[in-house]
Amino acid sequence: MSDSSLRAEFDRFDSDGNGHIDEAEFSALAQALGAHLSPTEVAVAFLAIDVNGNRQIEFGEFSSWWKKYNA
């Protein structure tokens, strides 16, 4: 998936358009992209992806994780 396609998907799930996704938005986005994660896996992945600890995932954080997840 290209960066622009991944960004479009990220933006689609950023329901309030603030440039961040919360845990529920992350779960829905991951599922839509084919990553079928259990609720526990979502929680663990969310904490790992949120490298700056602001309890939200920015596109750069998500993109880095997605590339590793699909490697």
C-alpha atoms as a PDB file:
ATOM      1  CA  MET A   1       0.000   0.000   0.000  1.00  0.00           C
ATOM      2  CA  SER A   2       1.380   3.383  -0.955  1.00  0.00           C
ATOM      3  CA  ASP A   3       1.885   6.129   1.619  1.00  0.00           C
ATOM      4  CA  SER A   4      -0.847   8.214   0.001  1.00  0.00           C
ATOM      5  CA  SER A   5      -3.323   5.310   0.120  1.00  0.00           C
ATOM      6  CA  LEU A   6      -2.427   4.601   3.725  1.00  0.00           C
ATOM      7  CA  ARG A   7      -2.849   8.291   4.549  1.00  0.00           C
ATOM      8  CA  ALA A   8      -6.269   8.337   2.893  1.00  0.00           C
ATOM      9  CA  GLU A   9      -7.360   5.371   5.004  1.00  0.00           C
ATOM     10  CA  PHE A  10      -5.975   6.969   8.159  1.00  0.00           C
ATOM     11  CA  ASP A  11      -7.846  10.189   7.408  1.00  0.00           C
ATOM     12  CA  ARG A  12     -11.061   8.249   6.740  1.00  0.00           C
ATOM     13  CA  PHE A  13     -10.947   6.793  10.263  1.00  0.00           C
ATOM     14  CA  ASP A  14      -9.894  10.058  11.907  1.00  0.00           C
ATOM     15  CA  SER A  15     -13.556  10.792  12.599  1.00  0.00           C
ATOM     16  CA  ASP A  16     -13.066  14.256  14.068  1.00  0.00           C
ATOM     17  CA  GLY A  17     -10.363  15.284  11.594  1.00  0.00           C
ATOM     18  CA  ASN A  18      -7.865  16.276  14.287  1.00  0.00           C
ATOM     19  CA  GLY A  19      -4.938  14.389  12.720  1.00  0.00           C
ATOM     20  CA  HIS A  20      -4.939  11.717  15.414  1.00  0.00           C
ATOM     21  CA  ILE A  21      -6.790   8.481  15.992  1.00  0.00           C
ATOM     22  CA  ASP A  22      -7.839   7.102  19.344  1.00  0.00           C
ATOM     23  CA  GLU A  23      -7.891   3.441  20.297  1.00  0.00           C
ATOM     24  CA  ALA A  24     -11.371   2.780  18.874  1.00  0.00           C
ATOM     25  CA  GLU A  25     -10.487   4.477  15.583  1.00  0.00           C
ATOM     26  CA  PHE A  26      -7.220   2.515  15.460  1.00  0.00           C
ATOM     27  CA  SER A  27      -9.066  -0.757  15.971  1.00  0.00           C
ATOM     28  CA  ALA A  28     -11.499   0.022  13.147  1.00  0.00           C
ATOM     29  CA  LEU A  29      -8.695   1.167  10.833  1.00  0.00           C
ATOM     30  CA  ALA A  30      -6.560  -1.895  11.494  1.00  0.00           C
ATOM     31  CA  GLN A  31      -9.525  -4.178  10.825  1.00  0.00           C
ATOM     32  CA  ALA A  32     -10.386  -2.334   7.608  1.00  0.00           C
ATOM     33  CA  LEU A  33      -6.800  -2.822   6.428  1.00  0.00           C
ATOM     34  CA  GLY A  34      -6.965  -6.553   7.157  1.00  0.00           C
ATOM     35  CA  ALA A  35      -5.257  -6.691  10.549  1.00  0.00           C
ATOM     36  CA  HIS A  36      -7.662  -8.751  12.616  1.00  0.00           C
ATOM     37  CA  LEU A  37      -6.526  -7.978  16.149  1.00  0.00           C
ATOM     38  CA  SER A  38      -8.168  -9.120  19.348  1.00  0.00           C
ATOM     39  CA  PRO A  39      -9.149  -6.414  21.854  1.00  0.00           C
ATOM     40  CA  THR A  40      -6.028  -7.262  23.872  1.00  0.00           C
ATOM     41  CA  GLU A  41      -3.831  -7.045  20.779  1.00  0.00           C
ATOM     42  CA  VAL A  42      -5.396  -3.676  19.922  1.00  0.00           C
ATOM     43  CA  ALA A  43      -4.646  -2.339  23.407  1.00  0.00           C
ATOM     44  CA  VAL A  44      -1.046  -3.602  23.368  1.00  0.00           C
ATOM     45  CA  ALA A  45      -0.408  -2.377  19.817  1.00  0.00           C
ATOM     46  CA  PHE A  46      -1.937   1.016  20.598  1.00  0.00           C
ATOM     47  CA  LEU A  47       0.431   1.527  23.529  1.00  0.00           C
ATOM     48  CA  ALA A  48       3.417   0.427  21.450  1.00  0.00           C
ATOM     49  CA  ILE A  49       2.491   2.632  18.477  1.00  0.00           C
ATOM     50  CA  ASP A  50       1.869   5.730  20.600  1.00  0.00           C
ATOM     51  CA  VAL A  51       5.577   6.450  21.033  1.00  0.00           C
ATOM     52  CA  ASN A  52       5.075   9.981  22.359  1.00  0.00           C
ATOM     53  CA  GLY A  53       2.589   8.773  24.995  1.00  0.00           C
ATOM     54  CA  ASN A  54      -0.183  11.273  24.236  1.00  0.00           C
ATOM     55  CA  ARG A  55      -2.850   8.521  24.100  1.00  0.00           C
ATOM     56  CA  GLN A  56      -3.426   9.222  20.411  1.00  0.00           C
ATOM     57  CA  ILE A  57      -1.762   7.917  17.277  1.00  0.00           C
ATOM     58  CA  GLU A  58      -0.501  10.345  14.652  1.00  0.00           C
ATOM     59  CA  PHE A  59      -0.133   9.268  11.038  1.00  0.00           C
ATOM     60  CA  GLY A  60       3.663   8.940  11.269  1.00  0.00           C
ATOM     61  CA  GLU A  61       3.358   6.582  14.236  1.00  0.00           C
ATOM     62  CA  PHE A  62       0.708   4.528  12.471  1.00  0.00           C
ATOM     63  CA  SER A  63       2.624   4.404   9.186  1.00  0.00           C
ATOM     64  CA  SER A  64       5.786   3.148  10.904  1.00  0.00           C
ATOM     65  CA  TRP A  65       3.833   0.417  12.680  1.00  0.00           C
ATOM     66  CA  TRP A  66       1.912  -0.617   9.564  1.00  0.00           C
ATOM     67  CA  LYS A  67       5.118  -1.045   7.563  1.00  0.00           C
ATOM     68  CA  LYS A  68       6.618  -3.228  10.314  1.00  0.00           C
ATOM     69  CA  TYR A  69       3.361  -5.166  10.756  1.00  0.00           C
ATOM     70  CA  ASN A  70       3.318  -6.016   7.058  1.00  0.00           C
ATOM     71  CA  ALA A  71       7.028  -6.791   6.728  1.00  0.00           C
END
